[in-house]
Amino acid sequence: EDMDEGYPGELKLKVKYTLNNNNEFKWEFIGNTNKSTIVNITNHTYWNLSGDLENRDIRDHTLQVMAINYLPESVIASNLGPITVGFKKSKLVPLTLANSPVGIIST
């Protein structure tokens, strides 16, 4: 709706979820507006990818964020401080989080 939360334009958003034969999960956000405006879409979905419903941890999970665009690290650092966790390259999640005082920042 135009001026929803103070932003101009009506946003129409599509989300596409894909799981391929290599067990790679991908989601794509595609949005269009009828006026110039800013859009910042995020996702806070969490899954147990092991398929084990009794042992719900992430010790064997790896994560890689293959985003097309990234906020420059200098901008992030000026607001949050030094970046200690990034997932441009695939990493084991628990080892990475153990070394981070603030958690995951997808850079």
Protein backbone atom coordinates (compact mmCIF):
# COMPACT_ATOMS: atom_id res chain seq x y z
CA GLU A 1 0.00 0.00 0.00
CA ASP A 2 1.33 3.46 -0.88
CA MET A 3 2.95 5.17 2.14
CA ASP A 4 2.83 2.00 4.26
CA GLU A 5 5.21 2.64 7.17
CA GLY A 6 6.01 5.99 5.54
CA TYR A 7 7.46 4.62 2.28
CA PRO A 8 6.11 5.62 -1.13
CA GLY A 9 4.82 3.10 -3.65
CA GLU A 10 3.02 -0.21 -3.59
CA LEU A 11 5.40 -3.16 -3.32
CA LYS A 12 4.61 -6.43 -5.07
CA LEU A 13 6.97 -9.14 -3.87
CA LYS A 14 7.56 -12.71 -5.00
CA VAL A 15 9.71 -15.24 -3.14
CA LYS A 16 11.03 -18.35 -4.86
CA TYR A 17 12.40 -21.28 -2.82
CA THR A 18 14.51 -23.93 -4.59
CA LEU A 19 16.25 -27.09 -3.37
CA ASN A 20 18.35 -28.68 -6.12
CA ASN A 21 19.82 -32.17 -6.58
CA ASN A 22 23.09 -31.02 -4.94
CA ASN A 23 21.17 -30.24 -1.71
CA GLU A 24 21.69 -26.51 -2.25
CA PHE A 25 18.87 -24.36 -0.94
CA LYS A 26 18.26 -21.01 -2.59
CA TRP A 27 15.69 -18.29 -2.10
CA GLU A 28 15.17 -15.37 -4.42
CA PHE A 29 13.27 -12.19 -3.63
CA ILE A 30 11.86 -10.30 -6.61
CA GLY A 31 10.11 -7.01 -5.91
CA ASN A 32 8.57 -4.23 -7.97
CA THR A 33 7.07 -0.91 -6.92
CA ASN A 34 5.01 1.67 -8.74
CA LYS A 35 7.04 4.58 -7.25
CA SER A 36 10.70 5.15 -6.44
CA THR A 37 11.33 3.83 -2.94
CA ILE A 38 13.75 1.74 -0.92
CA VAL A 39 13.29 -1.98 -0.30
CA ASN A 40 15.28 -4.11 2.13
CA ILE A 41 14.05 -7.70 2.28
CA THR A 42 15.37 -10.26 4.75
CA ASN A 43 14.50 -13.74 5.94
CA HIS A 44 14.68 -15.12 9.47
CA THR A 45 13.73 -18.74 8.78
CA TYR A 46 15.58 -21.47 10.65
CA TRP A 47 15.59 -25.19 9.81
CA ASN A 48 17.12 -28.33 11.24
CA LEU A 49 18.83 -29.47 8.04
CA SER A 50 20.02 -32.79 9.46
CA GLY A 51 16.58 -34.38 9.22
CA ASP A 52 17.12 -35.79 12.72
CA LEU A 53 14.13 -34.69 14.80
CA GLU A 54 15.62 -35.85 18.11
CA ASN A 55 19.14 -34.40 17.85
CA ARG A 56 18.42 -30.77 16.96
CA ASP A 57 21.81 -29.13 16.72
CA ILE A 58 23.93 -27.64 13.97
CA ARG A 59 27.32 -29.20 14.66
CA ASP A 60 27.65 -30.62 11.15
CA HIS A 61 26.04 -27.76 9.23
CA THR A 62 27.98 -25.56 6.84
CA LEU A 63 26.77 -22.20 5.59
CA GLN A 64 27.66 -20.09 2.57
CA VAL A 65 25.93 -16.82 1.63
CA MET A 66 26.17 -16.33 -2.13
CA ALA A 67 24.56 -12.90 -2.32
CA ILE A 68 24.86 -10.90 -5.52
CA ASN A 69 25.31 -7.64 -3.60
CA TYR A 70 26.95 -6.94 -0.27
CA LEU A 71 27.00 -3.84 1.87
CA PRO A 72 30.61 -2.62 1.85
CA GLU A 73 32.43 -3.86 4.95
CA SER A 74 33.52 -0.30 5.74
CA VAL A 75 29.85 0.69 6.15
CA ILE A 76 29.12 -2.31 8.36
CA ALA A 77 32.24 -1.74 10.45
CA SER A 78 31.36 1.92 11.01
CA ASN A 79 28.03 0.81 12.53
CA LEU A 80 28.83 -2.53 14.16
CA GLY A 81 32.57 -2.63 14.62
CA PRO A 82 34.95 -5.17 13.08
CA ILE A 83 33.41 -8.10 11.23
CA THR A 84 34.38 -11.41 12.82
CA VAL A 85 31.94 -13.71 11.04
CA GLY A 86 31.33 -13.82 7.30
CA PHE A 87 30.06 -16.55 5.04
CA LYS A 88 31.24 -15.63 1.54
CA LYS A 89 33.06 -18.97 1.69
CA SER A 90 31.47 -22.13 3.07
CA LYS A 91 32.22 -22.58 6.80
CA LEU A 92 31.14 -24.88 9.60
CA VAL A 93 28.55 -22.91 11.56
CA PRO A 94 29.46 -23.90 15.16
CA LEU A 95 33.20 -23.26 14.72
CA THR A 96 32.48 -19.87 13.20
CA LEU A 97 30.01 -18.85 15.90
CA ALA A 98 32.38 -19.93 18.67
CA ASN A 99 34.79 -17.23 17.46
CA SER A 100 32.16 -14.47 17.25
CA PRO A 101 30.98 -12.31 20.14
CA VAL A 102 27.99 -10.98 18.11
CA GLY A 103 26.79 -13.97 16.06
CA ILE A 104 26.29 -14.22 12.31
CA ILE A 105 26.67 -11.21 10.05
CA SER A 106 26.26 -12.34 6.45
CA THR A 107 29.09 -10.58 4.65
